[in-house]
N, C-alpha and C. Protein backbone atom coordinates (compact mmCIF):
# COMPACT_ATOMS: atom_id res chain seq x y z
N MET A 1 19.79 -45.33 20.77
CA MET A 1 20.14 -43.62 20.88
C MET A 1 19.24 -43.27 19.66
N ASN A 2 18.36 -42.04 19.68
CA ASN A 2 17.84 -41.44 18.95
C ASN A 2 17.66 -40.02 19.01
N THR A 3 17.11 -39.09 18.18
CA THR A 3 17.47 -37.65 18.37
C THR A 3 16.90 -37.00 19.16
N SER A 4 16.00 -37.61 20.09
CA SER A 4 15.19 -37.18 20.96
C SER A 4 16.21 -36.94 22.41
N GLN A 5 17.00 -37.59 22.37
CA GLN A 5 18.44 -37.37 23.05
C GLN A 5 19.33 -36.40 22.98
N LEU A 6 19.46 -35.94 21.74
CA LEU A 6 20.08 -34.94 21.41
C LEU A 6 19.69 -33.26 21.85
N ASN A 7 20.70 -32.63 22.49
CA ASN A 7 20.35 -31.54 23.05
C ASN A 7 20.86 -30.59 21.87
N PRO A 8 20.04 -29.47 21.52
CA PRO A 8 20.53 -28.30 20.65
C PRO A 8 21.67 -27.81 20.63
N SER A 9 22.42 -27.89 21.82
CA SER A 9 24.08 -27.35 22.08
C SER A 9 24.59 -28.15 21.41
N GLU A 10 24.35 -29.28 21.06
CA GLU A 10 25.52 -30.22 20.62
C GLU A 10 25.66 -30.26 19.08
N TYR A 11 24.80 -28.94 18.21
CA TYR A 11 25.04 -29.03 16.82
C TYR A 11 24.50 -27.47 16.38
N HIS A 12 25.09 -26.96 15.61
CA HIS A 12 25.00 -25.72 14.95
C HIS A 12 23.35 -25.45 14.47
N ASP A 13 22.83 -24.37 14.54
CA ASP A 13 21.44 -24.14 13.71
C ASP A 13 21.04 -24.63 12.69
N PHE A 14 22.29 -24.32 11.93
CA PHE A 14 21.92 -24.76 10.32
C PHE A 14 21.79 -26.43 10.14
N TYR A 15 22.09 -27.22 11.19
CA TYR A 15 21.98 -28.51 10.95
C TYR A 15 20.66 -29.06 11.50
N LYS A 16 19.96 -28.13 12.17
CA LYS A 16 18.45 -28.14 12.85
C LYS A 16 17.71 -28.95 11.62
N THR A 17 17.66 -28.29 10.67
CA THR A 17 16.67 -28.56 9.14
C THR A 17 16.88 -30.32 9.21
N TYR A 18 18.17 -30.55 8.93
CA TYR A 18 18.33 -32.13 8.76
C TYR A 18 17.99 -32.76 9.99
N ILE A 19 18.30 -32.65 11.43
CA ILE A 19 18.01 -33.71 12.53
C ILE A 19 16.43 -33.47 12.55
N ASP A 20 15.87 -32.34 12.40
CA ASP A 20 14.26 -32.43 12.83
C ASP A 20 13.79 -33.39 11.49
N MET A 21 14.25 -33.85 10.42
CA MET A 21 13.48 -34.62 9.21
C MET A 21 13.66 -36.19 9.88
N ILE A 22 14.37 -36.23 10.84
CA ILE A 22 14.78 -37.83 11.46
C ILE A 22 13.63 -38.14 12.51
N PRO A 23 12.74 -38.89 12.36
CA PRO A 23 11.68 -39.75 13.46
C PRO A 23 12.31 -39.43 14.86
N ASP A 24 11.74 -39.08 15.71
CA ASP A 24 12.50 -39.12 17.02
C ASP A 24 12.86 -40.41 17.64
N ASN A 25 11.81 -41.44 17.59
CA ASN A 25 12.02 -42.61 17.79
C ASN A 25 12.96 -43.64 17.20
N LEU A 26 13.75 -43.08 16.13
CA LEU A 26 14.33 -43.98 15.33
C LEU A 26 15.88 -44.05 15.75
N GLU A 27 16.38 -45.11 16.12
CA GLU A 27 17.64 -45.58 16.56
C GLU A 27 18.43 -45.23 15.54
N LEU A 28 19.61 -44.83 15.67
CA LEU A 28 20.75 -44.07 14.84
C LEU A 28 21.08 -45.33 13.96
N ILE A 29 21.55 -46.50 14.27
CA ILE A 29 22.01 -47.53 13.61
C ILE A 29 20.78 -47.87 12.32
N GLU A 30 19.74 -48.09 13.16
CA GLU A 30 18.47 -48.35 12.39
C GLU A 30 18.30 -47.76 11.45
N GLY A 31 18.51 -46.07 11.28
CA GLY A 31 18.18 -45.12 10.39
C GLY A 31 19.40 -45.23 9.29
N TYR A 32 20.36 -45.63 9.86
CA TYR A 32 21.32 -46.12 8.52
C TYR A 32 20.96 -46.74 7.71
N LYS A 33 20.49 -48.24 8.49
CA LYS A 33 19.86 -49.34 7.51
C LYS A 33 18.84 -49.00 6.79
N ARG A 34 18.02 -48.16 7.26
CA ARG A 34 16.43 -47.66 6.53
C ARG A 34 17.04 -46.88 5.44
N GLY A 35 18.03 -45.80 5.71
CA GLY A 35 18.43 -44.84 4.58
C GLY A 35 19.27 -45.88 3.86
N LEU A 36 19.94 -46.80 3.83
CA LEU A 36 20.52 -47.45 2.89
C LEU A 36 19.34 -48.57 1.88
N LYS A 37 18.52 -48.80 2.67
CA LYS A 37 17.38 -49.29 1.92
C LYS A 37 16.63 -48.35 0.78
N LEU A 38 16.27 -47.00 1.73
CA LEU A 38 15.57 -46.09 0.55
C LEU A 38 16.13 -45.56 -0.30
N TYR A 39 17.78 -45.32 -0.28
CA TYR A 39 18.36 -44.77 -1.43
C TYR A 39 18.53 -46.04 -2.41
N GLU A 40 18.72 -47.17 -2.14
CA GLU A 40 18.85 -48.36 -3.04
C GLU A 40 17.56 -48.51 -3.54
N GLU A 41 16.31 -48.57 -2.86
CA GLU A 41 15.12 -48.47 -3.79
C GLU A 41 15.01 -47.25 -4.60
N PHE A 42 15.32 -46.28 -4.44
CA PHE A 42 15.14 -45.02 -5.28
C PHE A 42 15.82 -45.20 -6.40
N PHE A 43 17.40 -45.60 -6.56
CA PHE A 43 18.37 -45.48 -7.66
C PHE A 43 18.14 -46.48 -8.24
N GLN A 44 17.58 -47.71 -7.77
CA GLN A 44 17.52 -48.86 -8.47
C GLN A 44 16.43 -48.91 -9.32
N ASP A 45 15.09 -48.12 -9.10
CA ASP A 45 14.47 -47.71 -10.30
C ASP A 45 14.27 -46.67 -11.22
N LEU A 46 15.43 -45.84 -10.75
CA LEU A 46 15.92 -44.76 -11.49
C LEU A 46 16.36 -45.22 -13.13
N SER A 47 15.88 -44.36 -14.13
CA SER A 47 16.31 -44.81 -15.54
C SER A 47 17.35 -43.82 -15.76
N VAL A 48 18.53 -44.72 -16.70
CA VAL A 48 19.47 -44.08 -16.79
C VAL A 48 19.70 -42.62 -17.07
N ASP A 49 18.83 -42.13 -18.36
CA ASP A 49 18.50 -40.92 -18.54
C ASP A 49 18.39 -39.93 -17.69
N LYS A 50 17.74 -40.54 -16.25
CA LYS A 50 17.58 -39.62 -15.45
C LYS A 50 18.76 -39.06 -14.62
N LEU A 51 19.71 -39.91 -14.56
CA LEU A 51 20.85 -40.11 -13.81
C LEU A 51 21.48 -38.51 -13.79
N TYR A 52 21.50 -38.29 -15.18
CA TYR A 52 22.15 -37.07 -15.71
C TYR A 52 21.32 -35.99 -16.02
N TYR A 53 20.00 -36.26 -15.34
CA TYR A 53 19.15 -34.65 -15.45
C TYR A 53 19.39 -33.87 -14.41
N LYS A 54 19.27 -32.59 -14.69
CA LYS A 54 19.08 -31.35 -13.66
C LYS A 54 17.97 -30.62 -14.04
N TYR A 55 16.95 -30.33 -13.01
CA TYR A 55 15.92 -29.31 -13.53
C TYR A 55 16.01 -28.27 -13.75
N ALA A 56 17.31 -27.55 -13.77
CA ALA A 56 17.54 -26.22 -13.84
C ALA A 56 19.08 -25.82 -14.07
N GLU A 57 19.27 -24.93 -14.93
CA GLU A 57 20.71 -24.69 -15.15
C GLU A 57 21.04 -24.25 -13.71
N GLY A 58 22.96 -24.74 -13.90
CA GLY A 58 23.24 -24.36 -12.44
C GLY A 58 23.10 -25.40 -11.40
N LYS A 59 22.03 -25.93 -11.61
CA LYS A 59 21.75 -27.06 -10.33
C LYS A 59 22.33 -28.18 -10.63
N TRP A 60 22.58 -29.24 -9.82
CA TRP A 60 23.34 -30.42 -9.92
C TRP A 60 22.62 -31.64 -10.65
N THR A 61 23.18 -32.63 -11.21
CA THR A 61 22.21 -33.76 -11.74
C THR A 61 22.15 -34.68 -10.70
N VAL A 62 20.94 -35.44 -10.89
CA VAL A 62 20.90 -36.56 -10.12
C VAL A 62 22.21 -37.34 -9.87
N ALA A 63 22.92 -37.64 -10.50
CA ALA A 63 24.29 -38.32 -10.34
C ALA A 63 25.37 -37.29 -9.31
N GLU A 64 25.04 -36.06 -9.64
CA GLU A 64 26.12 -35.18 -8.72
C GLU A 64 25.40 -34.92 -7.38
N VAL A 65 23.99 -34.84 -7.26
CA VAL A 65 23.35 -35.35 -5.94
C VAL A 65 23.83 -36.17 -5.10
N MET A 66 23.58 -37.36 -5.69
CA MET A 66 23.97 -38.99 -5.27
C MET A 66 25.64 -38.66 -4.80
N GLN A 67 26.40 -38.11 -5.48
CA GLN A 67 27.80 -38.23 -5.09
C GLN A 67 27.77 -37.12 -3.93
N HIS A 68 27.42 -36.08 -3.85
CA HIS A 68 27.18 -35.13 -2.70
C HIS A 68 26.72 -35.63 -1.25
N VAL A 69 25.78 -36.72 -1.24
CA VAL A 69 25.55 -37.21 -0.31
C VAL A 69 26.45 -38.23 0.25
N ILE A 70 27.12 -38.83 -0.59
CA ILE A 70 28.30 -39.90 -0.43
C ILE A 70 29.32 -39.29 0.14
N ASP A 71 29.80 -37.82 -0.73
CA ASP A 71 30.81 -37.25 -0.05
C ASP A 71 30.64 -37.03 1.48
N THR A 72 29.19 -36.07 1.64
CA THR A 72 29.16 -35.74 2.69
C THR A 72 28.92 -36.75 3.81
N GLU A 73 28.62 -37.77 3.62
CA GLU A 73 28.64 -38.85 4.70
C GLU A 73 30.12 -38.99 5.06
N ARG A 74 30.81 -39.29 4.20
CA ARG A 74 32.55 -39.61 4.62
C ARG A 74 32.98 -38.40 5.43
N ILE A 75 32.69 -37.33 4.76
CA ILE A 75 33.00 -36.14 5.82
C ILE A 75 32.50 -35.89 7.33
N PHE A 76 31.27 -36.31 7.17
CA PHE A 76 30.37 -36.40 8.60
C PHE A 76 31.03 -37.23 9.45
N MET A 77 31.11 -38.61 8.72
CA MET A 77 31.56 -39.73 9.82
C MET A 77 33.04 -39.72 10.08
N TYR A 78 33.80 -38.87 9.32
CA TYR A 78 35.30 -38.81 9.81
C TYR A 78 35.16 -37.79 10.99
N ARG A 79 34.34 -36.87 10.68
CA ARG A 79 34.35 -35.81 11.95
C ARG A 79 33.67 -36.56 13.31
N CYS A 80 32.59 -37.38 13.11
CA CYS A 80 32.24 -38.17 14.07
C CYS A 80 33.15 -39.19 14.76
N PHE A 81 34.06 -39.87 13.81
CA PHE A 81 34.75 -40.79 14.40
C PHE A 81 35.63 -39.82 15.31
N ARG A 82 36.47 -38.88 14.51
CA ARG A 82 37.47 -37.89 15.20
C ARG A 82 36.88 -37.49 16.76
N ILE A 83 35.48 -36.70 16.62
CA ILE A 83 34.85 -36.36 18.09
C ILE A 83 35.03 -37.55 19.23
N ALA A 84 34.44 -38.82 18.40
CA ALA A 84 33.97 -39.76 19.43
C ALA A 84 35.71 -40.43 20.04
N ARG A 85 36.33 -40.10 19.24
CA ARG A 85 38.00 -40.61 19.73
C ARG A 85 38.51 -39.60 20.73
N HIS A 86 37.55 -38.53 20.96
CA HIS A 86 38.18 -37.52 21.92
C HIS A 86 39.13 -36.57 21.44
N ASP A 87 39.18 -36.33 20.28
CA ASP A 87 39.98 -35.53 19.68
C ASP A 87 39.53 -34.02 19.61
N ASN A 88 40.34 -33.46 20.35
CA ASN A 88 39.85 -32.25 20.33
C ASN A 88 40.26 -31.26 19.46
N THR A 89 40.89 -31.50 18.32
CA THR A 89 41.69 -30.81 17.22
C THR A 89 40.38 -30.31 16.68
N PRO A 90 40.59 -29.01 16.26
CA PRO A 90 39.14 -28.20 15.39
C PRO A 90 39.49 -28.79 13.76
N LEU A 91 37.90 -29.19 13.37
CA LEU A 91 38.04 -29.63 12.17
C LEU A 91 37.40 -28.55 11.22
N ALA A 92 38.00 -28.54 9.79
CA ALA A 92 37.69 -27.59 9.09
C ALA A 92 36.26 -27.86 8.20
N GLY A 93 35.86 -26.67 8.05
CA GLY A 93 34.60 -26.76 7.21
C GLY A 93 35.04 -27.50 5.76
N PHE A 94 33.78 -27.53 4.80
CA PHE A 94 34.17 -27.76 3.47
C PHE A 94 33.06 -27.14 2.70
N ASP A 95 33.69 -26.97 1.45
CA ASP A 95 32.89 -26.21 0.29
C ASP A 95 32.46 -27.22 -0.40
N GLN A 96 30.92 -27.55 -0.35
CA GLN A 96 30.37 -28.57 -1.11
C GLN A 96 30.25 -28.64 -2.64
N ASP A 97 30.16 -27.36 -2.97
CA ASP A 97 30.22 -26.97 -4.56
C ASP A 97 31.55 -27.38 -5.38
N ILE A 98 32.97 -27.32 -4.37
CA ILE A 98 34.05 -27.64 -5.05
C ILE A 98 34.36 -29.15 -5.48
N TYR A 99 33.64 -29.73 -4.45
CA TYR A 99 33.97 -31.10 -4.40
C TYR A 99 33.08 -31.79 -5.77
N ILE A 100 31.93 -31.08 -6.41
CA ILE A 100 31.15 -31.79 -7.44
C ILE A 100 32.12 -32.10 -8.57
N LYS A 101 32.57 -31.02 -9.28
CA LYS A 101 33.69 -31.31 -10.67
C LYS A 101 34.27 -32.40 -10.26
N PRO A 102 35.44 -32.39 -9.53
CA PRO A 102 36.43 -33.28 -9.46
C PRO A 102 36.09 -34.97 -9.30
N SER A 103 34.54 -34.91 -8.63
CA SER A 103 34.24 -36.11 -8.24
C SER A 103 33.64 -36.77 -9.49
N GLY A 104 33.48 -36.53 -10.65
CA GLY A 104 33.17 -37.07 -12.12
C GLY A 104 31.84 -37.51 -11.91
N ALA A 105 31.11 -37.28 -11.23
CA ALA A 105 29.83 -37.74 -10.76
C ALA A 105 28.99 -38.10 -12.24
N ASN A 106 29.09 -37.49 -13.02
CA ASN A 106 28.67 -37.49 -14.37
C ASN A 106 29.27 -38.41 -15.58
N ASN A 107 30.52 -39.10 -15.07
CA ASN A 107 30.91 -40.06 -15.77
C ASN A 107 30.80 -41.34 -15.22
N LYS A 108 30.32 -41.27 -14.12
CA LYS A 108 29.87 -42.58 -13.48
C LYS A 108 28.76 -43.44 -13.57
N THR A 109 28.61 -44.58 -13.71
CA THR A 109 27.23 -45.13 -13.81
C THR A 109 26.60 -45.27 -12.84
N LEU A 110 25.34 -45.59 -12.90
CA LEU A 110 24.50 -46.08 -11.92
C LEU A 110 24.83 -47.04 -10.87
N ASP A 111 25.58 -48.15 -11.75
CA ASP A 111 25.92 -49.27 -10.71
C ASP A 111 27.23 -48.66 -9.61
N SER A 112 27.81 -47.75 -10.59
CA SER A 112 29.22 -47.53 -9.68
C SER A 112 28.96 -46.69 -8.52
N LEU A 113 27.82 -45.85 -8.90
CA LEU A 113 27.57 -44.80 -7.69
C LEU A 113 26.78 -45.75 -6.66
N LEU A 114 25.97 -46.54 -6.86
CA LEU A 114 25.46 -47.47 -5.76
C LEU A 114 26.42 -48.24 -5.17
N GLU A 115 27.57 -48.58 -5.57
CA GLU A 115 28.51 -49.65 -5.27
C GLU A 115 29.07 -48.54 -4.06
N GLU A 116 29.42 -47.39 -4.46
CA GLU A 116 30.07 -46.56 -3.76
C GLU A 116 29.29 -45.89 -2.47
N TYR A 117 28.12 -45.86 -2.60
CA TYR A 117 27.03 -45.07 -1.83
C TYR A 117 26.95 -46.66 -0.86
N LEU A 118 26.95 -47.70 -0.98
CA LEU A 118 26.81 -48.94 -0.21
C LEU A 118 28.02 -49.43 0.53
N ILE A 119 29.25 -49.09 0.04
CA ILE A 119 30.56 -49.19 0.81
C ILE A 119 30.64 -48.36 1.60
N THR A 120 30.31 -47.05 1.29
CA THR A 120 30.28 -45.86 2.33
C THR A 120 29.46 -46.19 3.56
N ARG A 121 28.38 -46.50 3.19
CA ARG A 121 27.22 -46.81 4.00
C ARG A 121 27.55 -47.53 4.91
N GLN A 122 28.10 -48.87 4.62
CA GLN A 122 28.38 -50.08 5.32
C GLN A 122 29.55 -49.70 6.35
N ASN A 123 30.52 -49.08 5.79
CA ASN A 123 31.49 -48.23 6.56
C ASN A 123 30.92 -47.58 7.74
N SER A 124 30.21 -46.67 7.43
CA SER A 124 29.31 -45.84 8.25
C SER A 124 29.08 -46.58 9.75
N ILE A 125 28.15 -47.55 9.31
CA ILE A 125 27.27 -48.46 10.16
C ILE A 125 28.55 -49.32 11.06
N VAL A 126 29.51 -49.74 10.68
CA VAL A 126 30.68 -50.35 11.22
C VAL A 126 31.29 -49.45 12.37
N ILE A 127 31.57 -48.12 11.91
CA ILE A 127 32.46 -47.31 12.67
C ILE A 127 31.32 -47.14 13.78
N LEU A 128 29.76 -46.93 13.48
CA LEU A 128 28.96 -46.56 14.55
C LEU A 128 28.67 -47.64 15.81
N LYS A 129 29.02 -48.75 14.94
CA LYS A 129 28.77 -50.16 16.02
C LYS A 129 29.80 -49.99 17.08
N SER A 130 31.19 -49.48 16.50
CA SER A 130 32.31 -49.67 17.02
C SER A 130 32.34 -48.52 18.46
N LEU A 131 31.25 -47.71 18.43
CA LEU A 131 31.62 -46.47 19.16
C LEU A 131 30.50 -46.48 20.49
N SER A 132 30.66 -46.14 21.60
CA SER A 132 29.90 -46.43 22.98
C SER A 132 29.22 -45.07 22.74
N GLU A 133 27.98 -44.99 23.43
CA GLU A 133 27.17 -44.29 23.68
C GLU A 133 27.73 -43.01 24.39
N HIS A 134 28.72 -43.14 25.18
CA HIS A 134 29.62 -42.09 26.04
C HIS A 134 30.24 -41.44 24.67
N ASP A 135 31.09 -41.73 24.20
CA ASP A 135 32.31 -41.48 23.22
C ASP A 135 30.99 -40.69 22.01
N LEU A 136 29.99 -41.33 21.72
CA LEU A 136 29.36 -40.67 20.78
C LEU A 136 28.70 -39.21 21.26
N SER A 137 28.70 -39.10 22.80
CA SER A 137 28.40 -37.90 23.30
C SER A 137 29.25 -36.86 23.46
N PHE A 138 30.51 -37.44 23.14
CA PHE A 138 31.58 -36.40 23.39
C PHE A 138 31.46 -35.15 22.14
N MET A 139 31.94 -34.12 22.66
CA MET A 139 31.80 -32.82 22.10
C MET A 139 33.12 -32.43 21.48
N GLY A 140 33.28 -31.99 20.02
CA GLY A 140 34.05 -31.38 19.11
C GLY A 140 33.97 -30.23 18.83
N ASN A 141 34.91 -29.90 17.79
CA ASN A 141 34.70 -28.26 16.84
C ASN A 141 34.70 -28.77 15.68
N THR A 142 33.56 -28.20 15.03
CA THR A 142 33.72 -28.37 13.44
C THR A 142 33.59 -26.99 12.82
N ASP A 143 34.28 -26.41 11.90
CA ASP A 143 33.88 -25.35 11.42
C ASP A 143 33.74 -24.33 12.20
N GLY A 144 34.78 -24.33 13.41
CA GLY A 144 34.57 -23.05 14.27
C GLY A 144 33.37 -23.25 15.34
N LYS A 145 32.44 -24.60 14.97
CA LYS A 145 31.30 -24.39 16.10
C LYS A 145 31.11 -25.91 16.89
N ALA A 146 30.45 -25.84 18.02
CA ALA A 146 30.75 -27.16 18.65
C ALA A 146 29.39 -28.30 18.12
N MET A 147 30.19 -29.45 17.97
CA MET A 147 29.29 -30.50 17.57
C MET A 147 29.75 -31.82 18.32
N SER A 148 28.69 -32.63 18.62
CA SER A 148 28.85 -34.03 19.15
C SER A 148 29.16 -34.95 18.34
N ALA A 149 29.72 -36.19 18.49
CA ALA A 149 29.67 -37.01 17.65
C ALA A 149 28.52 -37.57 16.98
N ARG A 150 27.63 -37.69 18.10
CA ARG A 150 26.55 -38.31 17.65
C ARG A 150 25.51 -37.34 16.95
N ALA A 151 25.62 -35.97 16.89
CA ALA A 151 25.04 -35.36 16.17
C ALA A 151 25.55 -35.10 14.95
N ALA A 152 26.92 -35.28 14.76
CA ALA A 152 27.18 -35.53 13.30
C ALA A 152 26.90 -36.71 12.58
N ALA A 153 26.78 -37.83 13.24
CA ALA A 153 26.03 -38.93 12.60
C ALA A 153 24.62 -38.74 12.41
N PHE A 154 23.68 -37.95 13.28
CA PHE A 154 22.34 -37.69 12.98
C PHE A 154 22.31 -36.69 11.81
N ALA A 155 23.50 -35.79 11.57
CA ALA A 155 23.33 -35.16 10.41
C ALA A 155 23.28 -35.67 8.97
N VAL A 156 24.05 -36.85 9.01
CA VAL A 156 24.28 -37.70 7.83
C VAL A 156 22.69 -38.09 7.48
N LEU A 157 21.90 -38.62 8.57
CA LEU A 157 20.85 -39.26 8.18
C LEU A 157 19.86 -38.00 7.68
N GLY A 158 19.60 -37.09 8.42
CA GLY A 158 18.98 -35.93 8.20
C GLY A 158 19.14 -35.24 6.61
N HIS A 159 20.52 -35.25 6.24
CA HIS A 159 20.95 -34.54 5.09
C HIS A 159 20.37 -35.60 3.97
N GLU A 160 20.58 -36.80 4.30
CA GLU A 160 20.12 -37.94 3.18
C GLU A 160 18.91 -37.48 2.65
N LEU A 161 17.87 -37.63 3.84
CA LEU A 161 16.21 -37.51 3.81
C LEU A 161 16.15 -36.34 3.01
N TRP A 162 16.94 -35.03 3.30
CA TRP A 162 16.60 -33.79 2.63
C TRP A 162 16.71 -34.02 1.16
N HIS A 163 18.02 -34.65 0.97
CA HIS A 163 18.15 -34.58 -0.70
C HIS A 163 17.22 -35.75 -1.02
N LEU A 164 16.85 -36.83 -0.61
CA LEU A 164 16.11 -37.83 -1.33
C LEU A 164 14.51 -36.98 -1.21
N LYS A 165 14.36 -36.00 -0.51
CA LYS A 165 13.18 -35.38 -0.80
C LYS A 165 13.24 -34.23 -1.89
N ILE A 166 14.23 -33.79 -1.94
CA ILE A 166 14.37 -32.72 -3.04
C ILE A 166 14.28 -33.80 -4.43
N LEU A 167 15.10 -34.75 -4.84
CA LEU A 167 15.33 -35.84 -5.75
C LEU A 167 13.79 -35.75 -6.47
N LYS A 168 12.94 -36.35 -5.32
CA LYS A 168 11.49 -36.63 -5.69
C LYS A 168 10.60 -35.79 -5.86
N GLU A 169 10.74 -34.35 -5.48
CA GLU A 169 10.14 -33.08 -5.78
C GLU A 169 10.22 -32.34 -7.00
N ARG A 170 11.71 -32.57 -7.27
CA ARG A 170 12.38 -31.57 -8.37
C ARG A 170 12.93 -32.32 -9.60
N TYR A 171 13.08 -33.53 -9.18
CA TYR A 171 13.95 -34.11 -10.33
C TYR A 171 12.86 -35.52 -11.02
N ILE A 172 12.30 -36.12 -10.29
CA ILE A 172 11.32 -37.41 -10.86
C ILE A 172 10.05 -36.97 -10.84
């Protein structure tokens, strides 16, 4: 399954930016594996002093961006899983900014952030492998808007690519 199979009615326009970042022919699970490799390589080459750097006042540090990527994957995989299990219960949105301070990202080491990312990503891959294409195409409601389970899963990949691009352009 790849993004060329997604119908724009499966996700809100807000996620189009993220979905469009994913190559059309990239298979979903392969995208999760590639993303894992990209993030590991990026962060393994990062110096410790850069981990707590932010490019402007009011912006997140690199550690906070990484924590945001991890937290967002957790939330969207939860959405994906619930929708794929045919749960019609409306799923609430979340305010990404309130997650940062209690995450303690700036008190974490690079190794601990990488471990958290790796475990989260491995969990996501296992979840995706357990879901059928039929179940991934099931539609649910997130933050008052229609979303398919597969769109939630693809949004994770695009979101991650978006933030990696920002990290490379503005932080490093």
